[in-house]
């Protein structure tokens, strides 16, 4: 009898952990796939597709060496200005270093980015650095709510 109670108790405790781990793995895979889709959109000069993974709100935060910029539209216009056309956008690649769940609806992604493109004067340029993204699950979709890129 005591054994059955112990097994029942262990199942009650461990079953939710297994479910949480499975959900975490699923969400991790979704976020990694979203980053791949972003890179593909960027490489196809599809800025709208790239930006579809960002929270479309004035609450979106983008941090760079120039400080903090707020808002989806502001970030969209920044990308349009600094990376115009297919050559200006070049070829983007992401490498995820770490993807960690911080809460049931929040992930933090740390990674590297690399961009190879042609400058306005026709020279090949390699850019790169690191990023930290904060993702929040909103209405069933994982969206970037904060992006720190350097």
N, C-alpha and C. Protein backbone atom coordinates (compact mmCIF):
# COMPACT_ATOMS: atom_id res chain seq x y z
N UNK A 1 0.83 -1.20 0.00
CA UNK A 1 0.00 0.00 0.00
C UNK A 1 0.86 1.25 0.00
N UNK A 2 1.88 1.25 0.87
CA UNK A 2 2.77 2.40 0.97
C UNK A 2 3.48 2.65 -0.37
N UNK A 3 3.88 1.55 -1.05
CA UNK A 3 4.56 1.65 -2.34
C UNK A 3 3.66 2.32 -3.38
N UNK A 4 2.38 1.91 -3.42
CA UNK A 4 1.42 2.49 -4.37
C UNK A 4 1.24 3.99 -4.14
N UNK A 5 1.17 4.37 -2.88
CA UNK A 5 1.03 5.80 -2.56
C UNK A 5 2.27 6.57 -2.99
N UNK A 6 3.45 5.99 -2.79
CA UNK A 6 4.69 6.64 -3.19
C UNK A 6 4.75 6.80 -4.70
N UNK A 7 4.40 5.76 -5.44
CA UNK A 7 4.40 5.82 -6.90
C UNK A 7 3.39 6.85 -7.38
N UNK A 8 2.20 6.85 -6.79
CA UNK A 8 1.17 7.83 -7.17
C UNK A 8 1.66 9.25 -6.91
N UNK A 9 2.29 9.46 -5.79
CA UNK A 9 2.80 10.79 -5.44
C UNK A 9 3.89 11.21 -6.43
N UNK A 10 4.81 10.29 -6.77
CA UNK A 10 5.87 10.60 -7.73
C UNK A 10 5.30 10.95 -9.10
N UNK A 11 4.30 10.22 -9.54
CA UNK A 11 3.67 10.51 -10.83
C UNK A 11 3.02 11.90 -10.82
N UNK A 12 2.36 12.24 -9.72
CA UNK A 12 1.73 13.57 -9.64
C UNK A 12 2.78 14.67 -9.68
N UNK A 13 3.91 14.45 -9.06
CA UNK A 13 4.96 15.46 -9.01
C UNK A 13 5.72 15.53 -10.33
N UNK A 14 6.08 14.39 -10.89
CA UNK A 14 6.95 14.36 -12.06
C UNK A 14 6.21 14.55 -13.38
N UNK A 15 4.98 14.16 -13.47
CA UNK A 15 4.24 14.30 -14.72
C UNK A 15 4.14 15.75 -15.19
N UNK A 16 3.80 16.70 -14.31
CA UNK A 16 3.79 18.09 -14.76
C UNK A 16 5.16 18.59 -15.19
N UNK A 17 6.23 18.12 -14.56
CA UNK A 17 7.58 18.51 -14.95
C UNK A 17 7.86 18.03 -16.37
N UNK A 18 7.51 16.80 -16.68
CA UNK A 18 7.70 16.27 -18.03
C UNK A 18 6.91 17.06 -19.06
N UNK A 19 5.69 17.43 -18.71
CA UNK A 19 4.86 18.24 -19.60
C UNK A 19 5.48 19.61 -19.81
N UNK A 20 5.98 20.21 -18.74
CA UNK A 20 6.62 21.52 -18.84
C UNK A 20 7.87 21.44 -19.70
N UNK A 21 8.68 20.39 -19.51
CA UNK A 21 9.89 20.23 -20.31
C UNK A 21 9.54 20.03 -21.78
N UNK A 22 8.53 19.26 -22.06
CA UNK A 22 8.11 19.05 -23.45
C UNK A 22 7.65 20.35 -24.07
N UNK A 23 6.89 21.15 -23.32
CA UNK A 23 6.42 22.45 -23.82
C UNK A 23 7.61 23.39 -24.03
N UNK A 24 8.57 23.35 -23.12
CA UNK A 24 9.76 24.19 -23.23
C UNK A 24 10.53 23.83 -24.50
N UNK A 25 10.69 22.52 -24.76
CA UNK A 25 11.37 22.08 -25.98
C UNK A 25 10.63 22.53 -27.22
N UNK A 26 9.30 22.44 -27.18
CA UNK A 26 8.48 22.86 -28.32
C UNK A 26 8.62 24.36 -28.56
N UNK A 27 8.55 25.16 -27.50
CA UNK A 27 8.68 26.61 -27.64
C UNK A 27 10.07 27.00 -28.09
N UNK A 28 11.09 26.30 -27.57
CA UNK A 28 12.47 26.54 -28.01
C UNK A 28 12.57 26.32 -29.52
N UNK A 29 12.02 25.24 -30.01
CA UNK A 29 12.07 24.92 -31.44
C UNK A 29 11.31 25.97 -32.26
N UNK A 30 10.18 26.44 -31.75
CA UNK A 30 9.41 27.46 -32.45
C UNK A 30 10.21 28.75 -32.58
N UNK A 31 10.88 29.15 -31.51
CA UNK A 31 11.66 30.38 -31.53
C UNK A 31 12.86 30.24 -32.46
N UNK A 32 13.52 29.10 -32.42
CA UNK A 32 14.66 28.88 -33.33
C UNK A 32 14.19 28.90 -34.79
N UNK A 33 13.03 28.32 -35.05
CA UNK A 33 12.48 28.33 -36.41
C UNK A 33 12.11 29.76 -36.83
N UNK A 34 11.61 30.54 -35.88
CA UNK A 34 11.28 31.94 -36.17
C UNK A 34 12.53 32.71 -36.57
N UNK A 35 13.64 32.47 -35.89
CA UNK A 35 14.90 33.14 -36.25
C UNK A 35 15.35 32.72 -37.64
N UNK A 36 15.20 31.46 -37.98
CA UNK A 36 15.55 31.01 -39.33
C UNK A 36 14.65 31.68 -40.36
N UNK A 37 13.36 31.77 -40.06
CA UNK A 37 12.43 32.42 -40.98
C UNK A 37 12.77 33.90 -41.13
N UNK A 38 13.18 34.54 -40.05
CA UNK A 38 13.60 35.94 -40.12
C UNK A 38 14.79 36.10 -41.06
N UNK A 39 15.79 35.24 -40.90
CA UNK A 39 16.98 35.31 -41.76
C UNK A 39 16.60 35.09 -43.22
N UNK A 40 15.73 34.15 -43.48
CA UNK A 40 15.29 33.89 -44.86
C UNK A 40 14.56 35.11 -45.42
N UNK A 41 13.67 35.70 -44.64
CA UNK A 41 12.96 36.90 -45.09
C UNK A 41 13.96 38.02 -45.39
N UNK A 42 14.88 38.24 -44.47
CA UNK A 42 15.90 39.29 -44.66
C UNK A 42 16.68 39.04 -45.95
N UNK A 43 17.13 37.80 -46.14
CA UNK A 43 17.94 37.46 -47.31
C UNK A 43 17.16 37.57 -48.61
N UNK A 44 15.85 37.57 -48.54
CA UNK A 44 14.99 37.79 -49.70
C UNK A 44 14.53 39.24 -49.81
N UNK A 45 15.16 40.12 -49.03
CA UNK A 45 14.82 41.55 -49.00
C UNK A 45 13.35 41.77 -48.63
N UNK A 46 12.83 40.91 -47.77
CA UNK A 46 11.45 40.98 -47.31
C UNK A 46 11.43 41.55 -45.89
N UNK A 47 11.52 42.87 -45.79
CA UNK A 47 11.58 43.51 -44.48
C UNK A 47 10.28 43.29 -43.70
N UNK A 48 9.14 43.28 -44.40
CA UNK A 48 7.87 43.03 -43.71
C UNK A 48 7.86 41.64 -43.06
N UNK A 49 8.35 40.64 -43.77
CA UNK A 49 8.43 39.29 -43.22
C UNK A 49 9.39 39.23 -42.04
N UNK A 50 10.53 39.90 -42.15
CA UNK A 50 11.49 39.95 -41.06
C UNK A 50 10.87 40.59 -39.82
N UNK A 51 10.17 41.70 -40.01
CA UNK A 51 9.60 42.46 -38.90
C UNK A 51 8.35 41.82 -38.31
N UNK A 52 7.79 40.82 -38.99
CA UNK A 52 6.56 40.18 -38.48
C UNK A 52 6.79 39.43 -37.18
N UNK A 53 8.03 39.22 -36.79
CA UNK A 53 8.34 38.53 -35.54
C UNK A 53 8.56 39.49 -34.38
N UNK A 54 8.42 40.78 -34.64
CA UNK A 54 8.53 41.80 -33.59
C UNK A 54 7.13 42.22 -33.15
N UNK A 55 7.00 42.56 -31.87
CA UNK A 55 5.75 43.09 -31.35
C UNK A 55 5.43 44.40 -32.06
N UNK A 56 4.28 44.47 -32.70
CA UNK A 56 3.88 45.66 -33.44
C UNK A 56 3.23 46.63 -32.46
N UNK A 57 4.09 47.36 -31.75
CA UNK A 57 3.63 48.23 -30.66
C UNK A 57 4.68 49.30 -30.39
N UNK A 58 4.23 50.38 -29.77
CA UNK A 58 5.16 51.42 -29.32
C UNK A 58 5.98 50.94 -28.13
N UNK A 59 5.61 49.81 -27.54
CA UNK A 59 6.32 49.27 -26.39
C UNK A 59 7.55 48.44 -26.78
N UNK A 60 7.69 48.11 -28.08
CA UNK A 60 8.86 47.38 -28.55
C UNK A 60 10.11 48.21 -28.25
N UNK A 61 11.17 47.53 -27.74
CA UNK A 61 12.43 48.21 -27.42
C UNK A 61 13.55 47.62 -28.28
N UNK A 62 14.35 48.53 -28.87
CA UNK A 62 15.54 48.13 -29.61
C UNK A 62 16.71 48.89 -29.04
N UNK A 63 17.73 48.15 -28.56
CA UNK A 63 18.89 48.76 -27.92
C UNK A 63 20.12 48.49 -28.78
N UNK A 64 20.86 49.56 -29.05
CA UNK A 64 22.12 49.44 -29.79
C UNK A 64 23.12 50.40 -29.18
N UNK A 65 24.27 50.55 -29.82
CA UNK A 65 25.28 51.47 -29.30
C UNK A 65 24.77 52.92 -29.28
N UNK A 66 23.72 53.20 -30.04
CA UNK A 66 23.15 54.54 -30.09
C UNK A 66 22.09 54.79 -29.03
N UNK A 67 21.79 53.79 -28.21
CA UNK A 67 20.81 53.96 -27.16
C UNK A 67 19.58 53.10 -27.36
N UNK A 68 18.49 53.51 -26.72
CA UNK A 68 17.23 52.76 -26.77
C UNK A 68 16.28 53.45 -27.75
N UNK A 69 15.71 52.65 -28.61
CA UNK A 69 14.72 53.14 -29.58
C UNK A 69 13.42 52.40 -29.28
N UNK A 70 12.31 53.13 -29.30
CA UNK A 70 11.02 52.54 -28.96
C UNK A 70 10.12 52.49 -30.19
N UNK A 71 9.39 51.41 -30.30
CA UNK A 71 8.33 51.30 -31.29
C UNK A 71 8.68 50.49 -32.53
N UNK A 72 7.69 49.73 -32.97
CA UNK A 72 7.82 48.90 -34.16
C UNK A 72 8.08 49.75 -35.40
N UNK A 73 7.28 50.79 -35.59
CA UNK A 73 7.40 51.62 -36.79
C UNK A 73 8.77 52.30 -36.86
N UNK A 74 9.25 52.75 -35.73
CA UNK A 74 10.56 53.39 -35.66
C UNK A 74 11.67 52.41 -36.07
N UNK A 75 11.58 51.18 -35.60
CA UNK A 75 12.57 50.16 -35.95
C UNK A 75 12.48 49.82 -37.43
N UNK A 76 11.27 49.69 -37.93
CA UNK A 76 11.05 49.41 -39.35
C UNK A 76 11.72 50.48 -40.22
N UNK A 77 11.48 51.73 -39.86
CA UNK A 77 12.07 52.84 -40.63
C UNK A 77 13.59 52.86 -40.51
N UNK A 78 14.12 52.49 -39.36
CA UNK A 78 15.57 52.41 -39.18
C UNK A 78 16.17 51.38 -40.12
N UNK A 79 15.54 50.20 -40.19
CA UNK A 79 16.03 49.17 -41.10
C UNK A 79 15.91 49.62 -42.56
N UNK A 80 14.80 50.25 -42.92
CA UNK A 80 14.63 50.75 -44.29
C UNK A 80 15.75 51.72 -44.67
N UNK A 81 16.08 52.60 -43.77
CA UNK A 81 17.10 53.62 -44.03
C UNK A 81 18.50 53.01 -44.14
N UNK A 82 18.84 52.11 -43.21
CA UNK A 82 20.20 51.58 -43.14
C UNK A 82 20.47 50.36 -44.01
N UNK A 83 19.42 49.70 -44.46
CA UNK A 83 19.58 48.46 -45.23
C UNK A 83 18.59 48.46 -46.39
N UNK A 84 18.82 49.32 -47.38
CA UNK A 84 17.84 49.43 -48.47
C UNK A 84 18.18 48.48 -49.62
N UNK A 85 17.15 47.85 -50.14
CA UNK A 85 17.29 46.96 -51.28
C UNK A 85 17.99 45.65 -50.95
N UNK A 86 17.97 44.74 -51.92
CA UNK A 86 18.53 43.40 -51.72
C UNK A 86 20.04 43.45 -51.44
N UNK A 87 20.79 44.27 -52.18
CA UNK A 87 22.23 44.36 -51.95
C UNK A 87 22.53 44.98 -50.58
N UNK A 88 21.77 45.99 -50.21
CA UNK A 88 21.97 46.66 -48.92
C UNK A 88 21.61 45.77 -47.75
N UNK A 89 20.65 44.89 -47.97
CA UNK A 89 20.27 43.96 -46.90
C UNK A 89 21.26 42.80 -46.83
N UNK A 90 21.77 42.37 -47.96
CA UNK A 90 22.79 41.34 -47.99
C UNK A 90 22.30 39.99 -47.52
N UNK A 91 23.24 39.21 -46.98
CA UNK A 91 22.93 37.86 -46.49
C UNK A 91 23.17 37.82 -44.99
N UNK A 92 22.11 37.54 -44.26
CA UNK A 92 22.12 37.52 -42.80
C UNK A 92 22.13 36.08 -42.31
N UNK A 93 22.88 35.86 -41.24
CA UNK A 93 22.92 34.54 -40.62
C UNK A 93 22.88 34.71 -39.10
N UNK A 94 22.07 33.89 -38.44
CA UNK A 94 22.00 33.88 -36.98
C UNK A 94 22.59 32.56 -36.46
N UNK A 95 23.23 32.64 -35.30
CA UNK A 95 23.71 31.46 -34.61
C UNK A 95 23.27 31.60 -33.15
N UNK A 96 22.37 30.75 -32.71
CA UNK A 96 21.86 30.82 -31.34
C UNK A 96 22.90 30.22 -30.39
N UNK A 97 23.29 31.01 -29.40
CA UNK A 97 24.22 30.57 -28.37
C UNK A 97 23.44 29.93 -27.22
N UNK A 98 22.33 30.57 -26.85
CA UNK A 98 21.52 30.09 -25.73
C UNK A 98 20.08 30.56 -25.91
N UNK A 99 19.16 29.69 -25.62
CA UNK A 99 17.73 30.03 -25.66
C UNK A 99 17.13 29.51 -24.36
N UNK A 100 16.71 30.42 -23.51
CA UNK A 100 16.30 30.04 -22.15
C UNK A 100 14.92 30.57 -21.81
N UNK A 101 14.09 29.68 -21.25
CA UNK A 101 12.77 30.10 -20.77
C UNK A 101 12.98 30.85 -19.46
N UNK A 102 12.42 32.06 -19.37
CA UNK A 102 12.48 32.85 -18.14
C UNK A 102 11.18 32.79 -17.36
N UNK A 103 10.09 32.56 -18.07
CA UNK A 103 8.76 32.41 -17.47
C UNK A 103 7.92 31.61 -18.45
N UNK A 104 6.72 31.27 -18.07
CA UNK A 104 5.90 30.44 -18.96
C UNK A 104 5.67 31.10 -20.32
N UNK A 105 5.67 32.42 -20.35
CA UNK A 105 5.41 33.14 -21.60
C UNK A 105 6.58 34.03 -22.03
N UNK A 106 7.79 33.75 -21.51
CA UNK A 106 8.96 34.59 -21.83
C UNK A 106 10.19 33.71 -22.09
N UNK A 107 10.89 33.99 -23.18
CA UNK A 107 12.17 33.37 -23.50
C UNK A 107 13.20 34.46 -23.72
N UNK A 108 14.45 34.13 -23.43
CA UNK A 108 15.57 35.00 -23.74
C UNK A 108 16.49 34.24 -24.69
N UNK A 109 16.82 34.87 -25.81
CA UNK A 109 17.72 34.26 -26.78
C UNK A 109 18.98 35.10 -26.87
N UNK A 110 20.12 34.45 -26.74
CA UNK A 110 21.41 35.10 -26.94
C UNK A 110 22.04 34.44 -28.15
N UNK A 111 22.57 35.27 -29.04
CA UNK A 111 23.16 34.70 -30.24
C UNK A 111 24.11 35.64 -30.94
N UNK A 112 24.63 35.13 -32.03
CA UNK A 112 25.53 35.90 -32.89
C UNK A 112 24.82 36.18 -34.21
N UNK A 113 25.12 37.32 -34.80
CA UNK A 113 24.62 37.63 -36.13
C UNK A 113 25.80 37.99 -37.03
N UNK A 114 25.65 37.67 -38.29
CA UNK A 114 26.65 37.97 -39.29
C UNK A 114 25.94 38.43 -40.55
N UNK A 115 26.42 39.52 -41.12
CA UNK A 115 25.80 40.08 -42.32
C UNK A 115 26.89 40.38 -43.35
N UNK A 116 26.71 39.83 -44.53
CA UNK A 116 27.60 40.10 -45.65
C UNK A 116 26.76 40.85 -46.68
N UNK A 117 27.25 42.05 -47.07
CA UNK A 117 26.48 42.85 -48.01
C UNK A 117 27.39 43.71 -48.88
N UNK A 118 26.79 44.33 -49.87
CA UNK A 118 27.47 45.26 -50.76
C UNK A 118 27.09 46.68 -50.33
N UNK A 119 28.09 47.52 -50.11
CA UNK A 119 27.84 48.91 -49.70
C UNK A 119 27.38 49.74 -50.89
N UNK A 120 26.95 50.96 -50.62
CA UNK A 120 26.48 51.86 -51.69
C UNK A 120 27.56 52.17 -52.70
N UNK A 121 28.83 52.10 -52.27
CA UNK A 121 29.93 52.35 -53.21
C UNK A 121 30.45 51.05 -53.86
N UNK A 122 29.69 49.95 -53.70
CA UNK A 122 30.00 48.71 -54.40
C UNK A 122 31.01 47.79 -53.73
N UNK A 123 31.38 48.10 -52.51
CA UNK A 123 32.36 47.26 -51.80
C UNK A 123 31.65 46.22 -50.94
N UNK A 124 32.31 45.05 -50.83
CA UNK A 124 31.76 44.00 -49.97
C UNK A 124 32.08 44.34 -48.52
N UNK A 125 31.10 44.12 -47.65
CA UNK A 125 31.25 44.47 -46.24
C UNK A 125 30.77 43.31 -45.39
N UNK A 126 31.52 43.01 -44.34
CA UNK A 126 31.11 42.00 -43.36
C UNK A 126 30.84 42.71 -42.04
N UNK A 127 29.65 42.50 -41.51
CA UNK A 127 29.26 43.06 -40.22
C UNK A 127 28.89 41.89 -39.32
N UNK A 128 28.96 42.12 -38.03
CA UNK A 128 28.55 41.06 -37.12
C UNK A 128 28.60 41.51 -35.68
N UNK A 129 28.04 40.70 -34.84
CA UNK A 129 28.03 41.00 -33.42
C UNK A 129 27.15 40.00 -32.69
N UNK A 130 26.68 40.43 -31.55
CA UNK A 130 25.85 39.60 -30.69
C UNK A 130 24.50 40.26 -30.46
N UNK A 131 23.53 39.45 -30.07
CA UNK A 131 22.20 39.98 -29.77
C UNK A 131 21.61 39.24 -28.58
N UNK A 132 20.73 39.94 -27.90
CA UNK A 132 19.88 39.35 -26.87
C UNK A 132 18.45 39.73 -27.23
N UNK A 133 17.61 38.74 -27.36
CA UNK A 133 16.20 38.97 -27.68
C UNK A 133 15.34 38.50 -26.51
N UNK A 134 14.34 39.28 -26.18
CA UNK A 134 13.33 38.85 -25.22
C UNK A 134 12.06 38.59 -26.03
N UNK A 135 11.60 37.36 -25.96
CA UNK A 135 10.38 36.91 -26.65
C UNK A 135 9.27 36.78 -25.62
N UNK A 136 8.07 37.17 -26.02
CA UNK A 136 6.89 36.97 -25.17
C UNK A 136 5.82 36.30 -26.03
N UNK A 137 5.13 35.34 -25.44
CA UNK A 137 4.04 34.67 -26.15
C UNK A 137 2.79 35.52 -25.97
N UNK A 138 2.32 36.07 -27.08
CA UNK A 138 1.17 36.97 -27.08
C UNK A 138 0.13 36.42 -28.06
N UNK A 139 -1.05 36.15 -27.56
CA UNK A 139 -2.14 35.59 -28.36
C UNK A 139 -1.67 34.36 -29.14
N UNK A 140 -0.89 33.51 -28.45
CA UNK A 140 -0.46 32.24 -29.03
C UNK A 140 0.75 32.32 -29.94
N UNK A 141 1.34 33.51 -30.12
CA UNK A 141 2.49 33.65 -31.02
C UNK A 141 3.68 34.24 -30.27
N UNK A 142 4.87 33.67 -30.51
CA UNK A 142 6.09 34.20 -29.90
C UNK A 142 6.55 35.42 -30.69
N UNK A 143 6.68 36.56 -29.98
CA UNK A 143 7.10 37.81 -30.59
C UNK A 143 8.25 38.44 -29.81
N UNK A 144 9.12 39.11 -30.52
CA UNK A 144 10.23 39.82 -29.88
C UNK A 144 9.69 41.11 -29.31
N UNK A 145 9.91 41.32 -28.00
CA UNK A 145 9.45 42.54 -27.34
C UNK A 145 10.63 43.46 -26.99
N UNK A 146 11.84 42.88 -26.99
CA UNK A 146 13.04 43.69 -26.74
C UNK A 146 14.20 43.03 -27.49
N UNK A 147 15.01 43.88 -28.15
CA UNK A 147 16.14 43.42 -28.95
C UNK A 147 17.33 44.29 -28.61
N UNK A 148 18.38 43.69 -28.09
CA UNK A 148 19.63 44.39 -27.84
C UNK A 148 20.66 43.81 -28.78
N UNK A 149 21.06 44.58 -29.77
CA UNK A 149 21.99 44.12 -30.79
C UNK A 149 23.23 45.01 -30.78
N UNK A 150 24.38 44.37 -30.76
CA UNK A 150 25.63 45.13 -30.83
C UNK A 150 26.58 44.47 -31.80
